[in-house]
Amino acid sequence: MNILAVTACPAGVAHTYMAKKALEKEAKKMGYKIKVETQGSMGTENEINSKDLEKADLVILAVDTKIEKANRFDNKIVYEVPVADAVKNASKVIKDATAKL
């Protein structure tokens, strides 16, 4: 399974990157491929491109703020949670997201 994710919090510092790391760690444990884009004080990093979108089975948005280019996910299954959920229990976030398939 190929998962895309975007993490973003209002300050765009600690929680954004903590959520990214947690999602990557749990997805790997579960045997899933994941690419996590961060949107924060450093701008957009690890940006999701059109090839990534073609391969994606679902998108997880772990966000507490409006993200840039959200419309690129219009034709995808999207699961949205607060960024803190991904930090505290990334495993549950991924399980709940994959249940939407």
N, C-alpha and C. Protein backbone atom coordinates (compact mmCIF):
# COMPACT_ATOMS: atom_id res chain seq x y z
N MET A 1 0.84 -1.18 0.00
CA MET A 1 0.00 0.00 0.00
C MET A 1 0.88 1.24 0.00
N ASN A 2 0.46 2.22 -0.78
CA ASN A 2 1.17 3.50 -0.86
C ASN A 2 0.33 4.58 -0.20
N ILE A 3 0.91 5.19 0.82
CA ILE A 3 0.22 6.23 1.57
C ILE A 3 0.96 7.55 1.38
N LEU A 4 0.19 8.61 1.19
CA LEU A 4 0.74 9.96 1.21
C LEU A 4 0.20 10.63 2.45
N ALA A 5 0.98 11.53 3.02
CA ALA A 5 0.53 12.28 4.19
C ALA A 5 1.06 13.70 4.13
N VAL A 6 0.31 14.59 4.75
CA VAL A 6 0.75 15.96 4.94
C VAL A 6 0.59 16.26 6.42
N THR A 7 1.64 16.81 7.01
CA THR A 7 1.56 17.24 8.41
C THR A 7 1.78 18.74 8.46
N ALA A 8 0.96 19.40 9.30
CA ALA A 8 1.07 20.85 9.44
C ALA A 8 0.37 21.30 10.71
N CYS A 9 1.06 22.15 11.46
CA CYS A 9 0.45 22.76 12.64
C CYS A 9 0.61 24.27 12.51
N PRO A 10 -0.14 25.04 13.28
CA PRO A 10 -0.08 26.50 13.11
C PRO A 10 1.33 27.09 13.22
N ALA A 11 2.12 26.62 14.16
CA ALA A 11 3.49 27.14 14.30
C ALA A 11 4.42 26.52 13.26
N GLY A 12 4.09 25.30 12.85
CA GLY A 12 4.88 24.64 11.82
C GLY A 12 6.27 24.24 12.26
N VAL A 13 6.38 23.88 13.52
CA VAL A 13 7.70 23.50 14.02
C VAL A 13 7.62 22.09 14.60
N ALA A 14 7.63 21.95 15.89
CA ALA A 14 7.78 20.66 16.55
C ALA A 14 6.74 19.61 16.14
N HIS A 15 5.46 19.90 16.31
CA HIS A 15 4.44 18.88 16.06
C HIS A 15 4.40 18.43 14.62
N THR A 16 4.65 19.33 13.70
CA THR A 16 4.68 18.97 12.28
C THR A 16 5.69 17.85 12.04
N TYR A 17 6.87 18.00 12.58
CA TYR A 17 7.94 17.03 12.34
C TYR A 17 7.81 15.79 13.22
N MET A 18 7.24 15.96 14.41
CA MET A 18 6.99 14.79 15.27
C MET A 18 5.94 13.88 14.62
N ALA A 19 4.92 14.47 14.03
CA ALA A 19 3.89 13.69 13.35
C ALA A 19 4.47 12.97 12.14
N LYS A 20 5.32 13.65 11.39
CA LYS A 20 5.97 13.05 10.22
C LYS A 20 6.76 11.81 10.64
N LYS A 21 7.58 11.97 11.65
CA LYS A 21 8.42 10.87 12.11
C LYS A 21 7.57 9.69 12.61
N ALA A 22 6.53 9.98 13.36
CA ALA A 22 5.67 8.93 13.90
C ALA A 22 4.94 8.17 12.80
N LEU A 23 4.41 8.89 11.81
CA LEU A 23 3.72 8.23 10.69
C LEU A 23 4.68 7.37 9.88
N GLU A 24 5.86 7.87 9.63
CA GLU A 24 6.86 7.09 8.87
C GLU A 24 7.24 5.82 9.61
N LYS A 25 7.47 5.93 10.90
CA LYS A 25 7.87 4.78 11.72
C LYS A 25 6.78 3.71 11.73
N GLU A 26 5.55 4.11 11.97
CA GLU A 26 4.45 3.14 12.06
C GLU A 26 4.12 2.53 10.70
N ALA A 27 4.15 3.32 9.64
CA ALA A 27 3.88 2.78 8.31
C ALA A 27 4.91 1.72 7.95
N LYS A 28 6.16 1.98 8.26
CA LYS A 28 7.23 1.01 7.98
C LYS A 28 6.97 -0.28 8.76
N LYS A 29 6.61 -0.16 10.03
CA LYS A 29 6.30 -1.35 10.85
C LYS A 29 5.18 -2.18 10.23
N MET A 30 4.21 -1.49 9.63
CA MET A 30 3.05 -2.17 9.05
C MET A 30 3.31 -2.67 7.63
N GLY A 31 4.48 -2.36 7.10
CA GLY A 31 4.81 -2.81 5.75
C GLY A 31 4.27 -1.93 4.65
N TYR A 32 3.91 -0.70 4.96
CA TYR A 32 3.38 0.23 3.97
C TYR A 32 4.46 1.21 3.54
N LYS A 33 4.33 1.68 2.30
CA LYS A 33 5.19 2.76 1.82
C LYS A 33 4.47 4.06 2.15
N ILE A 34 5.24 5.05 2.59
CA ILE A 34 4.63 6.35 2.92
C ILE A 34 5.58 7.47 2.52
N LYS A 35 4.98 8.53 2.04
CA LYS A 35 5.72 9.77 1.79
C LYS A 35 4.99 10.85 2.56
N VAL A 36 5.73 11.58 3.40
CA VAL A 36 5.13 12.61 4.23
C VAL A 36 5.67 13.98 3.85
N GLU A 37 4.77 14.85 3.44
CA GLU A 37 5.10 16.24 3.14
C GLU A 37 4.84 17.05 4.41
N THR A 38 5.77 17.94 4.72
CA THR A 38 5.56 18.85 5.85
C THR A 38 5.34 20.26 5.32
N GLN A 39 4.41 20.95 5.96
CA GLN A 39 4.18 22.35 5.66
C GLN A 39 4.29 23.10 6.97
N GLY A 40 5.30 23.95 7.06
CA GLY A 40 5.51 24.65 8.31
C GLY A 40 6.35 25.90 8.15
N SER A 41 7.02 26.25 9.22
CA SER A 41 7.80 27.49 9.23
C SER A 41 8.96 27.45 8.24
N MET A 42 9.38 26.27 7.86
CA MET A 42 10.47 26.11 6.89
C MET A 42 9.93 26.03 5.46
N GLY A 43 8.63 26.25 5.29
CA GLY A 43 8.01 26.12 3.98
C GLY A 43 7.55 24.68 3.78
N THR A 44 7.36 24.30 2.53
CA THR A 44 6.95 22.93 2.20
C THR A 44 8.20 22.11 1.95
N GLU A 45 8.26 20.97 2.63
CA GLU A 45 9.39 20.06 2.47
C GLU A 45 8.89 18.69 2.06
N ASN A 46 9.67 17.99 1.24
CA ASN A 46 9.34 16.65 0.76
C ASN A 46 8.00 16.69 0.01
N GLU A 47 7.86 17.67 -0.87
CA GLU A 47 6.59 17.93 -1.55
C GLU A 47 6.11 16.73 -2.37
N ILE A 48 4.83 16.45 -2.23
CA ILE A 48 4.18 15.37 -2.97
C ILE A 48 4.01 15.84 -4.42
N ASN A 49 4.44 14.99 -5.36
CA ASN A 49 4.35 15.35 -6.78
C ASN A 49 3.30 14.50 -7.49
N SER A 50 3.13 14.73 -8.78
CA SER A 50 2.10 14.04 -9.55
C SER A 50 2.34 12.53 -9.61
N LYS A 51 3.59 12.11 -9.68
CA LYS A 51 3.88 10.67 -9.69
C LYS A 51 3.49 10.03 -8.37
N ASP A 52 3.75 10.72 -7.27
CA ASP A 52 3.34 10.21 -5.96
C ASP A 52 1.82 10.04 -5.92
N LEU A 53 1.11 11.03 -6.43
CA LEU A 53 -0.36 11.00 -6.42
C LEU A 53 -0.90 9.84 -7.24
N GLU A 54 -0.28 9.55 -8.37
CA GLU A 54 -0.72 8.44 -9.22
C GLU A 54 -0.65 7.12 -8.48
N LYS A 55 0.39 6.92 -7.68
CA LYS A 55 0.62 5.65 -6.98
C LYS A 55 -0.13 5.54 -5.66
N ALA A 56 -0.64 6.63 -5.15
CA ALA A 56 -1.21 6.65 -3.80
C ALA A 56 -2.54 5.91 -3.70
N ASP A 57 -2.66 5.12 -2.63
CA ASP A 57 -3.93 4.46 -2.32
C ASP A 57 -4.80 5.35 -1.44
N LEU A 58 -4.16 6.14 -0.58
CA LEU A 58 -4.90 7.05 0.29
C LEU A 58 -4.00 8.16 0.78
N VAL A 59 -4.63 9.19 1.33
CA VAL A 59 -3.92 10.37 1.84
C VAL A 59 -4.35 10.61 3.28
N ILE A 60 -3.35 10.80 4.14
CA ILE A 60 -3.61 11.17 5.53
C ILE A 60 -3.22 12.63 5.71
N LEU A 61 -4.14 13.43 6.20
CA LEU A 61 -3.84 14.82 6.52
C LEU A 61 -3.84 14.94 8.04
N ALA A 62 -2.67 15.12 8.62
CA ALA A 62 -2.53 15.34 10.06
C ALA A 62 -2.24 16.83 10.21
N VAL A 63 -3.32 17.60 10.31
CA VAL A 63 -3.18 19.05 10.21
C VAL A 63 -4.07 19.79 11.21
N ASP A 64 -3.58 20.94 11.63
CA ASP A 64 -4.35 21.83 12.49
C ASP A 64 -4.48 23.21 11.85
N THR A 65 -4.17 23.29 10.59
CA THR A 65 -4.22 24.54 9.87
C THR A 65 -4.51 24.24 8.40
N LYS A 66 -4.91 25.25 7.66
CA LYS A 66 -5.17 25.08 6.23
C LYS A 66 -3.85 24.77 5.52
N ILE A 67 -3.89 23.80 4.61
CA ILE A 67 -2.67 23.45 3.87
C ILE A 67 -2.72 24.00 2.45
N GLU A 68 -1.55 24.15 1.88
CA GLU A 68 -1.44 24.61 0.50
C GLU A 68 -1.73 23.46 -0.45
N LYS A 69 -2.33 23.77 -1.57
CA LYS A 69 -2.58 22.81 -2.65
C LYS A 69 -3.43 21.62 -2.20
N ALA A 70 -4.37 21.84 -1.33
CA ALA A 70 -5.22 20.74 -0.84
C ALA A 70 -6.05 20.12 -1.95
N ASN A 71 -6.37 20.90 -2.98
CA ASN A 71 -7.21 20.41 -4.07
C ASN A 71 -6.56 19.28 -4.88
N ARG A 72 -5.26 19.08 -4.75
CA ARG A 72 -4.60 17.99 -5.50
C ARG A 72 -5.04 16.62 -4.99
N PHE A 73 -5.70 16.58 -3.83
CA PHE A 73 -6.17 15.32 -3.25
C PHE A 73 -7.65 15.07 -3.51
N ASP A 74 -8.28 15.89 -4.34
CA ASP A 74 -9.73 15.81 -4.57
C ASP A 74 -10.20 14.44 -5.05
N ASN A 75 -9.39 13.73 -5.80
CA ASN A 75 -9.81 12.43 -6.34
C ASN A 75 -9.23 11.26 -5.57
N LYS A 76 -8.80 11.52 -4.35
CA LYS A 76 -8.21 10.48 -3.50
C LYS A 76 -9.04 10.26 -2.25
N ILE A 77 -8.87 9.10 -1.65
CA ILE A 77 -9.46 8.86 -0.34
C ILE A 77 -8.61 9.62 0.67
N VAL A 78 -9.24 10.51 1.41
CA VAL A 78 -8.52 11.37 2.36
C VAL A 78 -9.05 11.12 3.77
N TYR A 79 -8.11 10.95 4.69
CA TYR A 79 -8.44 10.78 6.11
C TYR A 79 -7.75 11.92 6.85
N GLU A 80 -8.54 12.74 7.53
CA GLU A 80 -7.98 13.92 8.19
C GLU A 80 -8.12 13.81 9.71
N VAL A 81 -7.04 14.13 10.40
CA VAL A 81 -7.01 14.11 11.86
C VAL A 81 -6.21 15.32 12.36
N PRO A 82 -6.39 15.68 13.62
CA PRO A 82 -5.52 16.71 14.20
C PRO A 82 -4.08 16.19 14.26
N VAL A 83 -3.13 17.08 14.13
CA VAL A 83 -1.72 16.68 14.12
C VAL A 83 -1.35 15.93 15.41
N ALA A 84 -1.96 16.29 16.52
CA ALA A 84 -1.65 15.62 17.80
C ALA A 84 -2.01 14.14 17.76
N ASP A 85 -3.04 13.77 17.02
CA ASP A 85 -3.41 12.35 16.92
C ASP A 85 -2.29 11.54 16.28
N ALA A 86 -1.66 12.10 15.26
CA ALA A 86 -0.56 11.40 14.60
C ALA A 86 0.66 11.31 15.50
N VAL A 87 0.88 12.34 16.31
CA VAL A 87 2.01 12.33 17.24
C VAL A 87 1.78 11.28 18.33
N LYS A 88 0.58 11.26 18.89
CA LYS A 88 0.29 10.40 20.04
C LYS A 88 0.05 8.94 19.67
N ASN A 89 -0.61 8.69 18.51
CA ASN A 89 -0.96 7.33 18.15
C ASN A 89 -1.02 7.16 16.64
N ALA A 90 0.14 7.22 16.01
CA ALA A 90 0.21 7.11 14.54
C ALA A 90 -0.32 5.77 14.05
N SER A 91 -0.12 4.73 14.83
CA SER A 91 -0.61 3.41 14.45
C SER A 91 -2.13 3.42 14.27
N LYS A 92 -2.84 4.01 15.22
CA LYS A 92 -4.30 4.09 15.12
C LYS A 92 -4.71 4.95 13.93
N VAL A 93 -4.02 6.04 13.71
CA VAL A 93 -4.34 6.91 12.57
C VAL A 93 -4.23 6.12 11.26
N ILE A 94 -3.16 5.38 11.10
CA ILE A 94 -2.96 4.61 9.87
C ILE A 94 -4.00 3.50 9.75
N LYS A 95 -4.27 2.80 10.84
CA LYS A 95 -5.29 1.73 10.82
C LYS A 95 -6.66 2.30 10.46
N ASP A 96 -7.03 3.42 11.07
CA ASP A 96 -8.33 4.04 10.78
C ASP A 96 -8.38 4.53 9.33
N ALA A 97 -7.29 5.06 8.83
CA ALA A 97 -7.25 5.55 7.45
C ALA A 97 -7.39 4.39 6.46
N THR A 98 -6.67 3.30 6.70
CA THR A 98 -6.73 2.17 5.77
C THR A 98 -8.09 1.47 5.82
N ALA A 99 -8.81 1.61 6.92
CA ALA A 99 -10.14 1.04 7.02
C ALA A 99 -11.12 1.72 6.06
N LYS A 100 -10.77 2.91 5.58
CA LYS A 100 -11.63 3.63 4.64
C LYS A 100 -11.54 3.06 3.22
N LEU A 101 -10.57 2.19 2.97
CA LEU A 101 -10.38 1.62 1.64
C LEU A 101 -11.42 0.56 1.33
